[in-house]
Amino acid sequence: MKKFLLIPFLLFCVFVHAQRITVAKDGTGQYTTVQAAFDAIPSGNTKPVTIFVKKGIYKERLVLDTRKDFIRLIGEDKMNTILTYDNHAGKKLPNGDTINTWSSASFFLYANDFYAENISFENNAGFTAGQAVAVFANGDRLSFNNCRFLGFQDVLFCSGAGSRQYYKDCYIEGSTDFIFGPATAVFQNCTIHSKKNSHVTAASTPREVPYGFVFFDCRLTADAAFKKVSLGRPWQPHASVTYIRCEIGDHIIAEGWNNWRNPANEATVRYAEYKNTGPGAQVSARPAWIKQLSDEEVKKYTLKNIFGDWVPIIN
């Protein structure tokens, strides 16, 4: 084998046998950046690979490509392991292109069978930046456990019609439409924190997809100054969002939801609630187009029914 081919071949062999990569800013791991670890994963990967990220603030625009599947991204400490960038809509790229919502993310996640734990994902473009996505979650079978999603407008883009995503024990904060997109996503025991009088969700669930965003046993909070937040507005007419047994603070408006200035959406949206608690959960002022699930109807909301043949990783 020629000498110039030997080094990359040996590095590939080390990767295949190790199946674990450590990222550390101080140089104590194999890589000092998360993107370098992603780049080391061969396209077409079919075996679980763990990327352990030591504490630190990693300012990177991250891309995990399609066909780099089965990655486990594990942080040392969710409060101090922060993946951040400051892309935002309207910003000019070096090639002259203008960033929009779809291209504004800090982390572009295209791979399937991805799992993240104990990490903060942030877009720190700021309050006035407009659309500024922290995670563009486009792959299928994505699990996040004990993670934080930080930013302002359009923080978590649950992208990809048909994508299935599971968020457990996570903290998600933002200002406007900060959980949005067409994917099917379950949020279990998460804290959803509003930082503006605006909207929590902006689902764009396709008509033929039975479940959009489902929140089980979550806690909805806000900064004390905010008292005019809606549970969601429809980015597309058949948006599907359901809150089940959630604790909802007094920042949520009495009517609960918003039709995005289009009364026609009221005939097509699939917004539902079941036995939520807290001052923002009172259903007496909810409009007729918001469904209050019965004890029998809520039985359909199981992970098996929502996700089909996929069983998410639950630690």
C-alpha atoms as a PDB file:
ATOM      1  CA  MET A   1       0.000   0.000   0.000  1.00  0.00           C
ATOM      2  CA  LYS A   2       1.366   3.398  -0.906  1.00  0.00           C
ATOM      3  CA  LYS A   3       2.490   5.521   2.034  1.00  0.00           C
ATOM      4  CA  PHE A   4       0.034   8.361   1.329  1.00  0.00           C
ATOM      5  CA  LEU A   5      -2.889   5.901   1.583  1.00  0.00           C
ATOM      6  CA  LEU A   6      -1.644   4.225   4.770  1.00  0.00           C
ATOM      7  CA  ILE A   7      -2.398   6.991   7.280  1.00  0.00           C
ATOM      8  CA  PRO A   8      -6.134   7.463   6.456  1.00  0.00           C
ATOM      9  CA  PHE A   9      -6.518   3.681   6.298  1.00  0.00           C
ATOM     10  CA  LEU A  10      -5.042   3.286   9.794  1.00  0.00           C
ATOM     11  CA  LEU A  11      -7.245   6.110  11.139  1.00  0.00           C
ATOM     12  CA  PHE A  12     -10.303   4.377   9.683  1.00  0.00           C
ATOM     13  CA  CYS A  13      -9.299   1.089  11.354  1.00  0.00           C
ATOM     14  CA  VAL A  14      -8.890   2.834  14.722  1.00  0.00           C
ATOM     15  CA  PHE A  15     -12.336   4.409  14.326  1.00  0.00           C
ATOM     16  CA  VAL A  16     -14.049   1.137  13.434  1.00  0.00           C
ATOM     17  CA  HIS A  17     -12.600  -0.707  16.415  1.00  0.00           C
ATOM     18  CA  ALA A  18     -13.006   2.079  18.977  1.00  0.00           C
ATOM     19  CA  GLN A  19     -16.674   2.996  18.333  1.00  0.00           C
ATOM     20  CA  ARG A  20     -16.155   5.818  20.828  1.00  0.00           C
ATOM     21  CA  ILE A  21     -14.826   9.294  20.195  1.00  0.00           C
ATOM     22  CA  THR A  22     -13.989  11.944  22.784  1.00  0.00           C
ATOM     23  CA  VAL A  23     -14.207  15.651  21.990  1.00  0.00           C
ATOM     24  CA  ALA A  24     -12.446  18.077  24.326  1.00  0.00           C
ATOM     25  CA  LYS A  25     -11.528  21.718  23.844  1.00  0.00           C
ATOM     26  CA  ASP A  26      -8.391  21.245  25.931  1.00  0.00           C
ATOM     27  CA  GLY A  27      -6.967  18.610  23.601  1.00  0.00           C
ATOM     28  CA  THR A  28      -7.446  15.625  25.906  1.00  0.00           C
ATOM     29  CA  GLY A  29      -9.707  13.854  23.403  1.00  0.00           C
ATOM     30  CA  GLN A  30      -9.258  12.700  19.833  1.00  0.00           C
ATOM     31  CA  TYR A  31     -10.809  15.942  18.556  1.00  0.00           C
ATOM     32  CA  THR A  32     -11.213  19.499  19.779  1.00  0.00           C
ATOM     33  CA  THR A  33     -14.402  20.197  17.794  1.00  0.00           C
ATOM     34  CA  VAL A  34     -17.657  18.296  17.460  1.00  0.00           C
ATOM     35  CA  GLN A  35     -17.719  18.754  13.682  1.00  0.00           C
ATOM     36  CA  ALA A  36     -14.342  17.046  13.384  1.00  0.00           C
ATOM     37  CA  ALA A  37     -15.807  14.049  15.205  1.00  0.00           C
ATOM     38  CA  PHE A  38     -18.810  14.037  12.860  1.00  0.00           C
ATOM     39  CA  ASP A  39     -16.478  14.212   9.870  1.00  0.00           C
ATOM     40  CA  ALA A  40     -14.570  11.158  11.124  1.00  0.00           C
ATOM     41  CA  ILE A  41     -17.642   8.963  10.897  1.00  0.00           C
ATOM     42  CA  PRO A  42     -17.665   7.092   7.590  1.00  0.00           C
ATOM     43  CA  SER A  43     -20.648   7.602   5.296  1.00  0.00           C
ATOM     44  CA  GLY A  44     -22.872   4.545   5.414  1.00  0.00           C
ATOM     45  CA  ASN A  45     -22.134   3.867   9.075  1.00  0.00           C
ATOM     46  CA  THR A  46     -24.299   1.028  10.428  1.00  0.00           C
ATOM     47  CA  LYS A  47     -22.862   0.485  13.924  1.00  0.00           C
ATOM     48  CA  PRO A  48     -23.509   2.534  17.079  1.00  0.00           C
ATOM     49  CA  VAL A  49     -20.832   5.162  17.674  1.00  0.00           C
ATOM     50  CA  THR A  50     -20.621   7.216  20.872  1.00  0.00           C
ATOM     51  CA  ILE A  51     -19.260  10.751  20.735  1.00  0.00           C
ATOM     52  CA  PHE A  52     -18.532  11.949  24.266  1.00  0.00           C
ATOM     53  CA  VAL A  53     -18.225  15.738  24.543  1.00  0.00           C
ATOM     54  CA  LYS A  54     -16.392  17.139  27.541  1.00  0.00           C
ATOM     55  CA  LYS A  55     -17.516  20.346  29.220  1.00  0.00           C
ATOM     56  CA  GLY A  56     -17.007  23.525  27.260  1.00  0.00           C
ATOM     57  CA  ILE A  57     -18.633  26.000  24.894  1.00  0.00           C
ATOM     58  CA  TYR A  58     -18.238  24.798  21.316  1.00  0.00           C
ATOM     59  CA  LYS A  59     -19.083  27.561  18.849  1.00  0.00           C
ATOM     60  CA  GLU A  60     -19.630  25.635  15.637  1.00  0.00           C
ATOM     61  CA  ARG A  61     -22.094  25.372  12.772  1.00  0.00           C
ATOM     62  CA  LEU A  62     -22.688  21.639  12.941  1.00  0.00           C
ATOM     63  CA  VAL A  63     -23.864  19.270  10.202  1.00  0.00           C
ATOM     64  CA  LEU A  64     -24.462  15.549  10.736  1.00  0.00           C
ATOM     65  CA  ASP A  65     -24.984  14.232   7.219  1.00  0.00           C
ATOM     66  CA  THR A  66     -27.421  11.674   5.898  1.00  0.00           C
ATOM     67  CA  ARG A  67     -25.967   8.135   6.092  1.00  0.00           C
ATOM     68  CA  LYS A  68     -24.001   8.934   9.242  1.00  0.00           C
ATOM     69  CA  ASP A  69     -26.545   7.075  11.326  1.00  0.00           C
ATOM     70  CA  PHE A  70     -26.535   5.427  14.780  1.00  0.00           C
ATOM     71  CA  ILE A  71     -24.664   8.230  16.546  1.00  0.00           C
ATOM     72  CA  ARG A  72     -24.928   8.734  20.315  1.00  0.00           C
ATOM     73  CA  LEU A  73     -23.900  12.266  21.296  1.00  0.00           C
ATOM     74  CA  ILE A  74     -23.282  12.361  25.049  1.00  0.00           C
ATOM     75  CA  GLY A  75     -22.333  15.477  26.978  1.00  0.00           C
ATOM     76  CA  GLU A  76     -20.386  15.521  30.229  1.00  0.00           C
ATOM     77  CA  ASP A  77     -22.766  18.041  31.834  1.00  0.00           C
ATOM     78  CA  LYS A  78     -25.847  19.527  30.155  1.00  0.00           C
ATOM     79  CA  MET A  79     -25.397  22.928  31.851  1.00  0.00           C
ATOM     80  CA  ASN A  80     -21.768  23.263  30.798  1.00  0.00           C
ATOM     81  CA  THR A  81     -21.565  21.294  27.543  1.00  0.00           C
ATOM     82  CA  ILE A  82     -22.943  23.816  25.070  1.00  0.00           C
ATOM     83  CA  LEU A  83     -23.052  23.571  21.289  1.00  0.00           C
ATOM     84  CA  THR A  84     -23.779  27.059  20.003  1.00  0.00           C
ATOM     85  CA  TYR A  85     -23.769  29.278  16.921  1.00  0.00           C
ATOM     86  CA  ASP A  86     -25.345  32.561  15.846  1.00  0.00           C
ATOM     87  CA  ASN A  87     -26.891  31.988  12.417  1.00  0.00           C
ATOM     88  CA  HIS A  88     -30.138  33.868  11.805  1.00  0.00           C
ATOM     89  CA  ALA A  89     -32.512  34.802   8.994  1.00  0.00           C
ATOM     90  CA  GLY A  90     -31.363  37.784   6.947  1.00  0.00           C
ATOM     91  CA  LYS A  91     -27.678  37.273   7.661  1.00  0.00           C
ATOM     92  CA  LYS A  92     -25.452  37.248   4.583  1.00  0.00           C
ATOM     93  CA  LEU A  93     -23.160  34.289   3.942  1.00  0.00           C
ATOM     94  CA  PRO A  94     -19.664  34.756   2.467  1.00  0.00           C
ATOM     95  CA  ASN A  95     -20.956  33.520  -0.921  1.00  0.00           C
ATOM     96  CA  GLY A  96     -23.631  36.230  -0.972  1.00  0.00           C
ATOM     97  CA  ASP A  97     -26.606  34.005  -0.107  1.00  0.00           C
ATOM     98  CA  THR A  98     -29.071  35.214   2.517  1.00  0.00           C
ATOM     99  CA  ILE A  99     -29.907  32.882   5.401  1.00  0.00           C
ATOM    100  CA  ASN A 100     -33.571  31.940   5.831  1.00  0.00           C
ATOM    101  CA  THR A 101     -35.403  29.853   8.442  1.00  0.00           C
ATOM    102  CA  TRP A 102     -34.315  26.552   6.887  1.00  0.00           C
ATOM    103  CA  SER A 103     -30.652  27.554   6.727  1.00  0.00           C
ATOM    104  CA  SER A 104     -30.407  29.411  10.051  1.00  0.00           C
ATOM    105  CA  ALA A 105     -29.620  26.466  12.330  1.00  0.00           C
ATOM    106  CA  SER A 106     -26.700  25.949  14.658  1.00  0.00           C
ATOM    107  CA  PHE A 107     -27.028  22.155  14.241  1.00  0.00           C
ATOM    108  CA  PHE A 108     -28.323  20.513  11.046  1.00  0.00           C
ATOM    109  CA  LEU A 109     -29.301  16.941  11.899  1.00  0.00           C
ATOM    110  CA  TYR A 110     -29.971  14.885   8.749  1.00  0.00           C
ATOM    111  CA  ALA A 111     -28.915  11.440  10.018  1.00  0.00           C
ATOM    112  CA  ASN A 112     -31.284   8.758  11.297  1.00  0.00           C
ATOM    113  CA  ASP A 113     -31.201   6.800  14.576  1.00  0.00           C
ATOM    114  CA  PHE A 114     -29.587   9.626  16.520  1.00  0.00           C
ATOM    115  CA  TYR A 115     -29.496   9.903  20.306  1.00  0.00           C
ATOM    116  CA  ALA A 116     -28.346  12.881  22.402  1.00  0.00           C
ATOM    117  CA  GLU A 117     -28.008  13.181  26.182  1.00  0.00           C
ATOM    118  CA  ASN A 118     -26.787  15.830  28.657  1.00  0.00           C
ATOM    119  CA  ILE A 119     -26.071  18.542  26.075  1.00  0.00           C
ATOM    120  CA  SER A 120     -27.265  22.111  25.481  1.00  0.00           C
ATOM    121  CA  PHE A 121     -28.082  23.116  21.908  1.00  0.00           C
ATOM    122  CA  GLU A 122     -28.140  26.878  21.465  1.00  0.00           C
ATOM    123  CA  ASN A 123     -28.626  29.593  18.900  1.00  0.00           C
ATOM    124  CA  ASN A 124     -27.274  32.763  20.503  1.00  0.00           C
ATOM    125  CA  ALA A 125     -28.107  35.225  17.690  1.00  0.00           C
ATOM    126  CA  GLY A 126     -30.217  37.163  20.183  1.00  0.00           C
ATOM    127  CA  PHE A 127     -33.751  38.412  20.807  1.00  0.00           C
ATOM    128  CA  THR A 128     -33.960  40.747  17.802  1.00  0.00           C
ATOM    129  CA  ALA A 129     -32.365  38.403  15.247  1.00  0.00           C
ATOM    130  CA  GLY A 130     -35.628  36.887  13.988  1.00  0.00           C
ATOM    131  CA  GLN A 131     -35.679  33.247  12.951  1.00  0.00           C
ATOM    132  CA  ALA A 132     -32.653  31.569  14.492  1.00  0.00           C
ATOM    133  CA  VAL A 133     -32.878  27.777  14.798  1.00  0.00           C
ATOM    134  CA  ALA A 134     -30.842  25.879  17.386  1.00  0.00           C
ATOM    135  CA  VAL A 135     -31.569  22.383  16.017  1.00  0.00           C
ATOM    136  CA  PHE A 136     -32.860  21.530  12.537  1.00  0.00           C
ATOM    137  CA  ALA A 137     -34.026  17.975  13.295  1.00  0.00           C
ATOM    138  CA  ASN A 138     -34.675  16.372   9.919  1.00  0.00           C
ATOM    139  CA  GLY A 139     -33.713  12.702  10.303  1.00  0.00           C
ATOM    140  CA  ASP A 140     -35.958   9.848  11.437  1.00  0.00           C
ATOM    141  CA  ARG A 141     -35.896   8.115  14.820  1.00  0.00           C
ATOM    142  CA  LEU A 142     -34.279  10.924  16.817  1.00  0.00           C
ATOM    143  CA  SER A 143     -34.113  10.770  20.632  1.00  0.00           C
ATOM    144  CA  PHE A 144     -33.064  13.510  23.059  1.00  0.00           C
ATOM    145  CA  ASN A 145     -32.741  12.840  26.775  1.00  0.00           C
ATOM    146  CA  ASN A 146     -32.011  15.465  29.457  1.00  0.00           C
ATOM    147  CA  CYS A 147     -30.978  18.089  26.894  1.00  0.00           C
ATOM    148  CA  ARG A 148     -31.520  21.854  26.677  1.00  0.00           C
ATOM    149  CA  PHE A 149     -32.630  23.823  23.605  1.00  0.00           C
ATOM    150  CA  LEU A 150     -31.886  27.534  23.943  1.00  0.00           C
ATOM    151  CA  GLY A 151     -32.687  30.585  21.855  1.00  0.00           C
ATOM    152  CA  PHE A 152     -35.533  32.890  20.914  1.00  0.00           C
ATOM    153  CA  GLN A 153     -37.578  32.603  17.704  1.00  0.00           C
ATOM    154  CA  ASP A 154     -37.850  29.210  15.951  1.00  0.00           C
ATOM    155  CA  VAL A 155     -35.525  27.337  18.319  1.00  0.00           C
ATOM    156  CA  LEU A 156     -36.443  23.704  17.632  1.00  0.00           C
ATOM    157  CA  PHE A 157     -37.327  22.919  14.008  1.00  0.00           C
ATOM    158  CA  CYS A 158     -38.934  19.469  14.054  1.00  0.00           C
ATOM    159  CA  SER A 159     -38.471  19.188  10.341  1.00  0.00           C
ATOM    160  CA  GLY A 160     -39.132  16.426   7.845  1.00  0.00           C
ATOM    161  CA  ALA A 161     -42.659  15.151   7.206  1.00  0.00           C
ATOM    162  CA  GLY A 162     -42.600  11.569   8.453  1.00  0.00           C
ATOM    163  CA  SER A 163     -39.735  12.201  10.858  1.00  0.00           C
ATOM    164  CA  ARG A 164     -40.268  10.702  14.322  1.00  0.00           C
ATOM    165  CA  GLN A 165     -38.701  12.409  17.317  1.00  0.00           C
ATOM    166  CA  TYR A 166     -38.728  11.843  21.079  1.00  0.00           C
ATOM    167  CA  TYR A 167     -37.749  14.382  23.760  1.00  0.00           C
ATOM    168  CA  LYS A 168     -37.568  13.240  27.383  1.00  0.00           C
ATOM    169  CA  ASP A 169     -36.737  15.362  30.447  1.00  0.00           C
ATOM    170  CA  CYS A 170     -35.641  18.230  28.217  1.00  0.00           C
ATOM    171  CA  TYR A 171     -35.731  22.004  28.707  1.00  0.00           C
ATOM    172  CA  ILE A 172     -36.877  24.037  25.703  1.00  0.00           C
ATOM    173  CA  GLU A 173     -37.038  27.821  25.771  1.00  0.00           C
ATOM    174  CA  GLY A 174     -37.833  30.481  23.216  1.00  0.00           C
ATOM    175  CA  SER A 175     -39.941  33.437  22.204  1.00  0.00           C
ATOM    176  CA  THR A 176     -42.041  32.865  19.065  1.00  0.00           C
ATOM    177  CA  ASP A 177     -43.011  29.528  17.462  1.00  0.00           C
ATOM    178  CA  PHE A 178     -40.061  27.964  19.228  1.00  0.00           C
ATOM    179  CA  ILE A 179     -41.243  24.394  18.634  1.00  0.00           C
ATOM    180  CA  PHE A 180     -42.340  24.116  15.017  1.00  0.00           C
ATOM    181  CA  GLY A 181     -42.451  22.005  11.864  1.00  0.00           C
ATOM    182  CA  PRO A 182     -44.146  18.990  10.229  1.00  0.00           C
ATOM    183  CA  ALA A 183     -42.555  16.107  12.168  1.00  0.00           C
ATOM    184  CA  THR A 184     -44.233  13.752  14.621  1.00  0.00           C
ATOM    185  CA  ALA A 185     -42.651  14.579  17.984  1.00  0.00           C
ATOM    186  CA  VAL A 186     -43.368  13.479  21.551  1.00  0.00           C
ATOM    187  CA  PHE A 187     -42.291  15.601  24.510  1.00  0.00           C
ATOM    188  CA  GLN A 188     -42.264  13.641  27.772  1.00  0.00           C
ATOM    189  CA  ASN A 189     -41.789  15.383  31.130  1.00  0.00           C
ATOM    190  CA  CYS A 190     -40.208  18.450  29.529  1.00  0.00           C
ATOM    191  CA  THR A 191     -40.139  22.084  30.653  1.00  0.00           C
ATOM    192  CA  ILE A 192     -41.344  24.483  27.951  1.00  0.00           C
ATOM    193  CA  HIS A 193     -40.371  28.072  28.800  1.00  0.00           C
ATOM    194  CA  SER A 194     -41.703  31.157  26.992  1.00  0.00           C
ATOM    195  CA  LYS A 195     -39.642  34.355  26.764  1.00  0.00           C
ATOM    196  CA  LYS A 196     -42.155  36.572  24.943  1.00  0.00           C
ATOM    197  CA  ASN A 197     -45.902  37.186  24.625  1.00  0.00           C
ATOM    198  CA  SER A 198     -46.203  35.007  21.548  1.00  0.00           C
ATOM    199  CA  HIS A 199     -46.761  31.345  20.606  1.00  0.00           C
ATOM    200  CA  VAL A 200     -45.243  28.096  21.881  1.00  0.00           C
ATOM    201  CA  THR A 201     -45.809  25.909  18.810  1.00  0.00           C
ATOM    202  CA  ALA A 202     -46.261  26.352  15.084  1.00  0.00           C
ATOM    203  CA  ALA A 203     -46.939  22.869  13.762  1.00  0.00           C
ATOM    204  CA  SER A 204     -47.231  22.204  10.040  1.00  0.00           C
ATOM    205  CA  THR A 205     -48.403  18.591  10.288  1.00  0.00           C
ATOM    206  CA  PRO A 206     -49.409  17.163   6.897  1.00  0.00           C
ATOM    207  CA  ARG A 207     -53.070  16.235   6.496  1.00  0.00           C
ATOM    208  CA  GLU A 208     -52.300  12.497   6.190  1.00  0.00           C
ATOM    209  CA  VAL A 209     -50.105  12.315   9.325  1.00  0.00           C
ATOM    210  CA  PRO A 210     -52.247  11.386  12.368  1.00  0.00           C
ATOM    211  CA  TYR A 211     -50.004  12.822  15.100  1.00  0.00           C
ATOM    212  CA  GLY A 212     -47.969  16.029  15.167  1.00  0.00           C
ATOM    213  CA  PHE A 213     -46.658  17.320  18.511  1.00  0.00           C
ATOM    214  CA  VAL A 214     -47.770  15.470  21.645  1.00  0.00           C
ATOM    215  CA  PHE A 215     -46.822  16.786  25.096  1.00  0.00           C
ATOM    216  CA  PHE A 216     -47.107  14.313  27.976  1.00  0.00           C
ATOM    217  CA  ASP A 217     -46.751  15.507  31.583  1.00  0.00           C
ATOM    218  CA  CYS A 218     -44.833  18.645  30.634  1.00  0.00           C
ATOM    219  CA  ARG A 219     -44.530  21.933  32.514  1.00  0.00           C
ATOM    220  CA  LEU A 220     -45.202  25.201  30.686  1.00  0.00           C
ATOM    221  CA  THR A 221     -43.581  28.240  32.301  1.00  0.00           C
ATOM    222  CA  ALA A 222     -42.683  31.832  31.382  1.00  0.00           C
ATOM    223  CA  ASP A 223     -40.827  34.858  32.595  1.00  0.00           C
ATOM    224  CA  ALA A 224     -43.072  36.709  35.065  1.00  0.00           C
ATOM    225  CA  ALA A 225     -43.749  39.651  32.719  1.00  0.00           C
ATOM    226  CA  PHE A 226     -45.513  37.566  30.095  1.00  0.00           C
ATOM    227  CA  LYS A 227     -49.247  36.810  30.302  1.00  0.00           C
ATOM    228  CA  LYS A 228     -50.313  36.595  26.641  1.00  0.00           C
ATOM    229  CA  VAL A 229     -48.846  33.394  25.249  1.00  0.00           C
ATOM    230  CA  SER A 230     -50.747  30.844  23.163  1.00  0.00           C
ATOM    231  CA  LEU A 231     -50.253  27.100  23.171  1.00  0.00           C
ATOM    232  CA  GLY A 232     -49.875  27.194  19.422  1.00  0.00           C
ATOM    233  CA  ARG A 233     -50.831  28.554  16.055  1.00  0.00           C
ATOM    234  CA  PRO A 234     -51.039  26.588  12.775  1.00  0.00           C
ATOM    235  CA  TRP A 235     -48.178  27.050  10.341  1.00  0.00           C
ATOM    236  CA  GLN A 236     -50.220  24.821   8.024  1.00  0.00           C
ATOM    237  CA  PRO A 237     -54.014  24.230   8.116  1.00  0.00           C
ATOM    238  CA  HIS A 238     -53.889  20.646   9.467  1.00  0.00           C
ATOM    239  CA  ALA A 239     -51.522  21.326  12.342  1.00  0.00           C
ATOM    240  CA  SER A 240     -51.786  18.696  15.098  1.00  0.00           C
ATOM    241  CA  VAL A 241     -50.789  19.524  18.705  1.00  0.00           C
ATOM    242  CA  THR A 242     -51.973  17.805  21.887  1.00  0.00           C
ATOM    243  CA  TYR A 243     -51.242  18.564  25.557  1.00  0.00           C
ATOM    244  CA  ILE A 244     -51.899  15.676  27.958  1.00  0.00           C
ATOM    245  CA  ARG A 245     -51.678  16.050  31.766  1.00  0.00           C
ATOM    246  CA  CYS A 246     -49.437  19.113  31.499  1.00  0.00           C
ATOM    247  CA  GLU A 247     -48.993  21.811  34.139  1.00  0.00           C
ATOM    248  CA  ILE A 248     -49.763  25.091  32.389  1.00  0.00           C
ATOM    249  CA  GLY A 249     -48.865  28.445  33.906  1.00  0.00           C
ATOM    250  CA  ASP A 250     -50.852  31.684  33.956  1.00  0.00           C
ATOM    251  CA  HIS A 251     -48.935  33.058  30.970  1.00  0.00           C
ATOM    252  CA  ILE A 252     -51.223  31.099  28.652  1.00  0.00           C
ATOM    253  CA  ILE A 253     -54.232  33.087  27.401  1.00  0.00           C
ATOM    254  CA  ALA A 254     -57.730  31.995  28.440  1.00  0.00           C
ATOM    255  CA  GLU A 255     -58.662  30.888  24.911  1.00  0.00           C
ATOM    256  CA  GLY A 256     -55.476  28.854  24.806  1.00  0.00           C
ATOM    257  CA  TRP A 257     -54.781  28.877  21.090  1.00  0.00           C
ATOM    258  CA  ASN A 258     -54.472  31.124  18.019  1.00  0.00           C
ATOM    259  CA  ASN A 259     -55.799  30.623  14.466  1.00  0.00           C
ATOM    260  CA  TRP A 260     -52.961  32.642  12.853  1.00  0.00           C
ATOM    261  CA  ARG A 261     -55.385  35.348  11.735  1.00  0.00           C
ATOM    262  CA  ASN A 262     -57.293  32.872   9.562  1.00  0.00           C
ATOM    263  CA  PRO A 263     -60.689  31.598  10.801  1.00  0.00           C
ATOM    264  CA  ALA A 264     -60.625  28.902   8.087  1.00  0.00           C
ATOM    265  CA  ASN A 265     -57.879  27.133  10.059  1.00  0.00           C
ATOM    266  CA  GLU A 266     -60.367  26.484  12.831  1.00  0.00           C
ATOM    267  CA  ALA A 267     -62.112  23.881  10.651  1.00  0.00           C
ATOM    268  CA  THR A 268     -58.946  21.935   9.887  1.00  0.00           C
ATOM    269  CA  VAL A 269     -56.533  22.142  12.828  1.00  0.00           C
ATOM    270  CA  ARG A 270     -56.229  19.216  15.213  1.00  0.00           C
ATOM    271  CA  TYR A 271     -55.651  20.826  18.585  1.00  0.00           C
ATOM    272  CA  ALA A 272     -56.514  18.836  21.697  1.00  0.00           C
ATOM    273  CA  GLU A 273     -56.127  18.824  25.484  1.00  0.00           C
ATOM    274  CA  TYR A 274     -56.624  16.305  28.269  1.00  0.00           C
ATOM    275  CA  LYS A 275     -56.667  16.842  32.023  1.00  0.00           C
ATOM    276  CA  ASN A 276     -54.078  19.591  32.145  1.00  0.00           C
ATOM    277  CA  THR A 277     -53.629  21.502  35.387  1.00  0.00           C
ATOM    278  CA  GLY A 278     -52.612  24.996  36.450  1.00  0.00           C
ATOM    279  CA  PRO A 279     -54.087  28.465  35.876  1.00  0.00           C
ATOM    280  CA  GLY A 280     -53.518  28.311  32.110  1.00  0.00           C
ATOM    281  CA  ALA A 281     -55.327  25.008  31.740  1.00  0.00           C
ATOM    282  CA  GLN A 282     -58.884  26.168  32.456  1.00  0.00           C
ATOM    283  CA  VAL A 283     -61.039  25.011  29.536  1.00  0.00           C
ATOM    284  CA  SER A 284     -64.107  27.180  30.162  1.00  0.00           C
ATOM    285  CA  ALA A 285     -62.911  29.886  27.753  1.00  0.00           C
ATOM    286  CA  ARG A 286     -61.475  27.534  25.132  1.00  0.00           C
ATOM    287  CA  PRO A 287     -63.166  27.916  21.724  1.00  0.00           C
ATOM    288  CA  ALA A 288     -65.291  25.124  20.270  1.00  0.00           C
ATOM    289  CA  TRP A 289     -62.625  24.188  17.692  1.00  0.00           C
ATOM    290  CA  ILE A 290     -60.297  22.949  20.462  1.00  0.00           C
ATOM    291  CA  LYS A 291     -60.992  19.315  21.295  1.00  0.00           C
ATOM    292  CA  GLN A 292     -61.164  18.196  24.911  1.00  0.00           C
ATOM    293  CA  LEU A 293     -60.290  14.500  24.840  1.00  0.00           C
ATOM    294  CA  SER A 294     -62.357  11.947  26.708  1.00  0.00           C
ATOM    295  CA  ASP A 295     -60.881   9.196  28.880  1.00  0.00           C
ATOM    296  CA  GLU A 296     -61.511   6.771  26.026  1.00  0.00           C
ATOM    297  CA  GLU A 297     -60.027   8.967  23.299  1.00  0.00           C
ATOM    298  CA  VAL A 298     -56.800   9.615  25.180  1.00  0.00           C
ATOM    299  CA  LYS A 299     -56.058   5.862  25.208  1.00  0.00           C
ATOM    300  CA  LYS A 300     -55.066   6.184  21.544  1.00  0.00           C
ATOM    301  CA  TYR A 301     -52.130   8.391  22.534  1.00  0.00           C
ATOM    302  CA  THR A 302     -49.489   5.724  23.114  1.00  0.00           C
ATOM    303  CA  LEU A 303     -45.917   5.698  21.858  1.00  0.00           C
ATOM    304  CA  LYS A 304     -46.745   2.640  19.774  1.00  0.00           C
ATOM    305  CA  ASN A 305     -49.657   4.343  18.046  1.00  0.00           C
ATOM    306  CA  ILE A 306     -47.726   7.558  17.570  1.00  0.00           C
ATOM    307  CA  PHE A 307     -44.403   6.071  16.393  1.00  0.00           C
ATOM    308  CA  GLY A 308     -45.453   2.759  14.842  1.00  0.00           C
ATOM    309  CA  ASP A 309     -42.624   0.247  14.718  1.00  0.00           C
ATOM    310  CA  TRP A 310     -40.038   2.573  16.294  1.00  0.00           C
ATOM    311  CA  VAL A 311     -39.278   2.247  19.998  1.00  0.00           C
ATOM    312  CA  PRO A 312     -37.287   5.339  21.062  1.00  0.00           C
ATOM    313  CA  ILE A 313     -34.261   5.051  23.314  1.00  0.00           C
ATOM    314  CA  ILE A 314     -35.408   5.814  26.857  1.00  0.00           C
ATOM    315  CA  ASN A 315     -32.696   5.902  29.537  1.00  0.00           C
END
